[in-house]
Protein backbone atom coordinates (compact mmCIF):
# COMPACT_ATOMS: atom_id res chain seq x y z
CA MET A 1 23.33 -6.05 -1.16
CA SER A 2 21.09 -8.83 -2.22
CA TYR A 3 18.15 -10.00 -0.03
CA SER A 4 15.36 -12.54 -0.16
CA ALA A 5 11.78 -11.27 -0.78
CA THR A 6 8.31 -12.45 -1.36
CA VAL A 7 6.89 -11.20 -4.56
CA TYR A 8 3.18 -10.30 -4.84
CA GLN A 9 1.66 -9.67 -8.24
CA VAL A 10 -0.78 -6.68 -8.48
CA PHE A 11 -3.03 -6.94 -11.45
CA ILE A 12 -4.33 -3.67 -12.89
CA ALA A 13 -7.84 -4.00 -14.44
CA SER A 14 -9.66 -1.18 -16.28
CA PRO A 15 -11.44 -0.51 -19.50
CA GLY A 16 -9.54 1.46 -22.24
CA ASP A 17 -10.68 4.95 -21.11
CA LEU A 18 -8.29 5.13 -18.12
CA THR A 19 -4.86 5.18 -19.62
CA GLU A 20 -3.62 7.77 -17.17
CA GLU A 21 -4.93 6.06 -14.30
CA ARG A 22 -3.49 2.74 -15.21
CA ALA A 23 -0.03 4.41 -15.46
CA ILE A 24 -0.53 6.03 -12.07
CA ALA A 25 -1.41 2.68 -10.51
CA ARG A 26 1.79 1.01 -11.94
CA GLN A 27 3.93 3.98 -10.57
CA VAL A 28 2.37 3.82 -7.18
CA ILE A 29 3.21 0.20 -7.02
CA LEU A 30 6.79 0.74 -8.04
CA ASP A 31 7.10 3.78 -5.51
CA TRP A 32 5.98 1.50 -2.81
CA ASN A 33 8.94 -0.89 -3.73
CA ASN A 34 11.41 1.84 -3.68
CA VAL A 35 10.43 2.88 -0.08
CA ASN A 36 9.67 -0.50 1.50
CA SER A 37 11.07 -3.59 -0.28
CA GLY A 38 14.42 -3.57 1.38
CA CYS A 39 13.05 -3.32 4.95
CA ARG A 40 9.83 -5.37 4.40
CA ASN A 41 11.29 -8.12 2.26
CA ILE A 42 8.33 -7.67 -0.05
CA VAL A 43 8.33 -6.83 -3.73
CA LEU A 44 5.25 -5.94 -5.54
CA GLN A 45 5.10 -6.74 -9.41
CA PRO A 46 2.52 -4.65 -11.35
CA ILE A 47 1.01 -6.70 -14.15
CA GLY A 48 -1.59 -5.95 -17.01
CA TRP A 49 -2.47 -7.43 -20.24
CA GLU A 50 -0.92 -4.68 -22.44
CA GLN A 51 2.67 -5.24 -20.97
CA ASN A 52 2.69 -8.70 -19.58
CA ALA A 53 0.55 -10.90 -21.86
CA PHE A 54 1.95 -12.67 -24.98
CA PRO A 55 0.07 -13.97 -28.10
CA SER A 56 -1.60 -17.31 -27.84
CA MET A 57 -4.42 -19.15 -29.74
CA ALA A 58 -5.05 -21.63 -26.95
CA ASP A 59 -8.36 -20.07 -25.98
CA ARG A 60 -10.59 -16.95 -26.34
CA PRO A 61 -8.72 -13.72 -25.66
CA GLN A 62 -9.76 -13.10 -22.11
CA ALA A 63 -9.40 -16.61 -21.06
CA VAL A 64 -5.77 -16.47 -22.22
CA ILE A 65 -5.14 -13.28 -20.16
CA ASN A 66 -6.83 -15.00 -17.18
CA GLN A 67 -4.52 -17.97 -17.54
CA GLN A 68 -1.32 -16.13 -18.25
CA LEU A 69 -1.74 -13.29 -15.69
CA LEU A 70 -4.89 -13.21 -13.50
CA ASP A 71 -4.73 -16.69 -12.10
CA SER A 72 -1.30 -15.97 -10.37
CA ALA A 73 -2.17 -12.44 -9.28
CA ASP A 74 -2.33 -11.79 -5.51
CA ILE A 75 -4.02 -8.25 -5.50
CA LEU A 76 -6.29 -6.64 -8.14
CA VAL A 77 -6.95 -3.01 -8.63
CA GLY A 78 -9.97 -2.24 -10.64
CA ILE A 79 -10.85 1.16 -12.03
CA PHE A 80 -13.89 2.48 -13.87
CA TRP A 81 -14.90 5.81 -15.30
CA THR A 82 -17.39 6.10 -18.29
CA ARG A 83 -16.95 2.66 -19.88
CA VAL A 84 -17.35 -1.04 -18.91
CA GLY A 85 -15.63 -2.40 -21.89
CA THR A 86 -16.15 -5.16 -24.54
CA PRO A 87 -18.27 -8.21 -23.76
CA THR A 88 -16.11 -11.38 -23.52
CA GLY A 89 -18.81 -14.02 -23.95
CA LYS A 90 -18.88 -14.73 -20.28
CA ALA A 91 -19.11 -11.20 -18.80
CA ALA A 92 -19.98 -7.62 -19.74
CA SER A 93 -16.29 -7.00 -20.36
CA GLY A 94 -12.85 -8.33 -19.66
CA THR A 95 -12.37 -6.00 -16.64
CA VAL A 96 -15.71 -7.33 -15.25
CA GLU A 97 -14.71 -10.87 -15.76
CA GLU A 98 -11.22 -10.30 -14.24
CA ILE A 99 -12.83 -8.73 -11.16
CA ALA A 100 -15.38 -11.51 -10.66
CA GLN A 101 -12.89 -14.31 -11.05
CA HIS A 102 -10.43 -12.57 -8.56
CA ILE A 103 -13.22 -11.95 -5.99
CA ALA A 104 -14.41 -15.59 -6.41
CA ALA A 105 -10.90 -16.77 -5.59
CA GLU A 106 -11.08 -14.77 -2.32
CA LYS A 107 -8.17 -12.45 -3.17
CA ASP A 108 -7.76 -8.87 -2.16
CA THR A 109 -9.72 -6.53 -4.59
CA LEU A 110 -9.58 -2.72 -4.43
CA LEU A 111 -12.24 -1.08 -6.73
CA TYR A 112 -12.33 2.69 -7.71
CA PHE A 113 -14.72 4.85 -9.75
CA SER A 114 -13.79 8.01 -11.37
CA LYS A 115 -15.94 11.06 -11.23
CA ARG A 116 -13.82 13.14 -13.59
CA PRO A 117 -15.95 15.21 -16.03
CA ILE A 118 -16.14 14.22 -19.63
CA GLN A 119 -17.25 16.08 -22.78
CA PRO A 120 -20.87 15.06 -23.64
CA GLU A 121 -20.02 14.29 -27.30
CA LEU A 122 -17.46 11.63 -26.05
CA LEU A 123 -19.88 9.93 -23.66
CA ASP A 124 -21.33 6.61 -24.69
CA PRO A 125 -24.79 6.48 -22.86
CA VAL A 126 -25.05 2.81 -22.98
CA GLN A 127 -21.56 2.22 -21.59
CA TYR A 128 -22.10 4.93 -18.91
CA ALA A 129 -25.32 3.41 -17.77
CA ALA A 130 -23.55 0.10 -17.54
CA VAL A 131 -20.88 1.55 -15.29
CA LYS A 132 -23.52 3.06 -12.95
CA GLN A 133 -25.26 -0.27 -12.74
CA LEU A 134 -22.06 -2.05 -12.06
CA LYS A 135 -21.04 0.45 -9.30
CA THR A 136 -24.39 -0.18 -7.51
CA GLU A 137 -23.85 -3.89 -7.80
CA TYR A 138 -20.34 -3.75 -6.37
CA GLN A 139 -21.52 -1.37 -3.58
CA THR A 140 -23.89 -4.06 -2.28
CA LYS A 141 -21.05 -6.71 -2.12
CA GLY A 142 -18.21 -4.61 -0.56
CA LEU A 143 -16.48 -1.18 -0.14
CA THR A 144 -15.53 0.95 -3.15
CA TYR A 145 -14.00 4.27 -3.51
CA GLU A 146 -14.60 7.33 -5.66
CA PHE A 147 -12.06 9.95 -6.91
CA ASN A 148 -12.39 13.26 -8.61
CA ASP A 149 -9.17 13.40 -10.51
CA PRO A 150 -5.98 11.39 -11.19
CA ASP A 151 -4.12 13.20 -8.39
CA GLN A 152 -6.74 12.02 -5.89
CA PHE A 153 -6.57 8.51 -7.26
CA ARG A 154 -2.85 8.54 -6.85
CA GLN A 155 -3.08 9.50 -3.16
CA ASP A 156 -5.99 7.22 -2.37
CA PHE A 157 -4.45 4.22 -3.90
CA GLN A 158 -1.03 4.86 -2.36
CA ASN A 159 -2.76 5.01 1.10
CA HIS A 160 -4.91 2.00 0.55
CA LEU A 161 -2.24 -0.16 -0.87
CA GLY A 162 0.02 0.65 2.26
CA MET A 163 -2.93 -0.14 4.58
CA LEU A 164 -3.44 -3.46 2.76
CA LEU A 165 0.18 -4.49 2.90
CA ASN A 166 0.29 -3.73 6.66
CA GLN A 167 -2.27 -6.56 7.33
CA ASP A 168 -0.89 -9.72 8.87
CA ASN A 169 -1.24 -12.00 5.76
CA TYR A 170 1.35 -9.76 3.99
CA SER A 171 3.83 -10.00 6.89
CA HIS A 172 4.27 -13.67 7.20
CA ASN A 173 7.61 -13.57 5.63
CA GLU A 174 8.90 -11.08 8.24
CA GLN A 175 10.46 -12.25 11.52
CA HIS A 176 7.66 -12.66 14.13
CA GLU A 177 9.23 -14.66 16.92
CA SER A 178 11.66 -12.75 19.12
CA SER A 179 15.33 -13.68 18.90
CA PRO A 180 17.61 -13.34 21.91
CA GLU A 181 18.79 -10.00 20.45
CA THR A 182 15.18 -8.83 20.15
CA ARG A 183 14.24 -9.89 23.71
CA SER A 184 17.39 -8.07 24.93
CA SER A 185 16.35 -5.06 23.09
CA ASN A 186 12.98 -5.15 24.69
CA SER A 187 14.49 -4.79 28.11
CA THR A 188 16.81 -2.02 27.18
CA LEU A 189 14.63 0.12 24.90
CA SER A 190 13.10 3.05 26.58
CA ASP A 191 9.36 3.54 26.90
CA ASP A 192 9.70 6.67 24.59
CA ALA A 193 11.43 4.68 21.92
CA LYS A 194 8.92 1.92 22.17
CA GLU A 195 6.09 4.48 21.89
CA LEU A 196 7.70 6.00 18.84
CA LEU A 197 8.29 2.68 17.15
CA SER A 198 4.69 1.56 17.89
CA GLU A 199 3.34 4.64 16.05
CA GLY A 200 5.85 4.21 13.20
CA VAL A 201 4.71 0.64 12.35
CA LYS A 202 1.07 1.95 12.01
CA ASP A 203 2.03 4.55 9.51
CA VAL A 204 0.84 3.55 6.04
CA ALA A 205 4.20 4.16 4.53
CA GLY A 206 6.18 2.91 7.56
CA GLN A 207 8.05 6.11 7.89
CA ILE A 208 9.25 8.50 10.69
CA VAL A 209 9.84 12.06 9.59
CA ARG A 210 12.24 14.33 11.44
CA VAL A 211 12.57 17.92 9.90
CA ARG A 212 14.37 20.90 11.13
CA TYR A 213 13.44 24.22 9.46
CA LEU A 214 13.83 27.89 10.05
CA ASN A 215 10.87 28.43 12.31
CA GLY A 216 10.51 25.18 14.10
CA GLU A 217 11.08 21.37 14.08
CA THR A 218 8.87 18.43 13.78
CA LEU A 219 9.06 14.63 14.49
CA SER A 220 5.92 12.80 13.22
CA THR A 221 4.66 9.54 12.12
CA ASN A 222 1.12 8.02 11.57
CA ASP A 223 -0.31 11.63 11.61
CA ARG A 224 0.99 12.05 15.18
CA GLU A 225 3.25 14.93 16.00
CA PHE A 226 5.77 14.20 18.95
CA LEU A 227 7.27 17.58 19.33
CA THR A 228 4.35 19.30 20.90
CA ASP A 229 6.87 22.07 21.97
CA THR A 230 10.49 22.73 21.05
CA THR A 231 11.90 23.09 24.63
CA PRO A 232 15.21 21.46 25.11
CA ARG A 233 13.71 18.87 27.38
CA THR A 234 11.19 17.76 24.67
CA LEU A 235 13.76 17.83 21.88
CA THR A 236 16.19 15.73 23.75
CA ARG A 237 13.59 13.36 24.94
CA TRP A 238 12.32 12.41 21.42
CA ASP A 239 15.67 12.71 19.57
CA GLY A 240 17.02 10.34 22.06
CA ALA A 241 14.14 7.95 21.44
CA LEU A 242 14.83 8.26 17.67
CA ASP A 243 18.57 7.56 18.16
CA GLU A 244 17.72 4.38 20.14
CA LEU A 245 15.65 3.05 17.23
CA ILE A 246 18.42 3.81 14.76
CA GLU A 247 21.06 2.22 17.19
CA HIS A 248 18.99 -1.07 17.25
CA ASP A 249 18.50 -0.97 13.56
CA PHE A 250 14.67 -0.66 13.95
CA VAL A 251 14.66 2.35 11.59
CA ASN A 252 16.88 3.05 8.64
CA ARG A 253 18.37 6.57 8.05
CA PRO A 254 20.00 6.47 4.59
CA SER A 255 22.31 9.41 5.53
CA PRO A 256 23.08 11.50 8.54
CA ASP A 257 20.93 14.35 7.38
CA ALA A 258 18.07 12.39 5.93
CA GLU A 259 14.58 13.63 6.95
CA VAL A 260 12.51 10.45 6.16
CA LEU A 261 13.49 7.21 7.97
CA SER A 262 11.87 3.94 7.28
CA ILE A 263 10.97 1.11 9.71
CA THR A 264 13.14 -1.88 8.96
CA ARG A 265 12.30 -5.60 8.90
CA LYS A 266 13.81 -5.90 12.28
CA GLY A 267 11.76 -3.01 13.53
CA TYR A 268 8.51 -4.53 12.43
CA ALA A 269 9.40 -7.84 13.92
CA PHE A 270 10.27 -6.24 17.28
CA ALA A 271 7.05 -4.23 17.22
CA ASP A 272 5.01 -7.34 16.76
CA GLY A 273 6.14 -8.71 20.11
CA LEU A 274 6.44 -5.34 21.93
CA THR A 275 5.29 -4.97 25.46
CA PRO A 276 3.40 -1.68 25.76
CA PRO A 277 5.03 0.92 28.06
CA GLN A 278 3.86 0.78 31.54
CA SER A 279 1.85 4.06 31.18
CA GLU A 280 -0.04 2.41 28.29
CA GLN A 281 -0.94 -0.89 30.08
CA SER A 282 -4.33 -1.27 31.68
CA THR A 283 -4.42 -1.17 35.32
């Protein structure tokens, strides 16, 4: 089924010594789409000069990349390891120029520095010194992150991207005003279901996980476990809450036995105007 969506372009900026991390960043972005686009009405488009720029003699090389790609980018992820890159005539490298221009435009910028070891004979001391200087400079201007290996970068970037896209400025295309149906749901949805949904929309991936295995069961979201015990009373309580969310189309279960359920656009919209359960309101 087709659906309307807002497209955000994510520019991947790095020197040439981070081929693996560039590929990981692109895959993390596409993975976010697979899980979230249908229910969030948001599509992320990963872009970078090597795959999205085309030949042009209209200006110097970096200026062409800026005009073709960077100017329209909404988010930038910048990654450094041992090299800054080649000077552009305006900045220490293309990556540095891209980051400076993106920050100047007051757009979201995620910066990462790799601490992965490198063989000494492959290290360019001048380039590495420039990276350290650049890192110090960025740390005086904002928050940067370090990672030890590509797997940690994958996990960190996945989490940070989810957190960023849960901010209000990336939810403007979702329904915020309550429809009559939503207002009706607010009066009929149980406090348990409201509590479960409230935690679910805070989860970085927007997911509720319900798993039954040999030695127990789990119902969790946003690092919170709801099945504090597996007595029949507790199981029926929270399974009932989950069934309510499914019935109201606030979460999507692709198949009856699916263990991972995603918050829907309707679920996010409802949660935005949700009245906290009586037990959670201040007295």
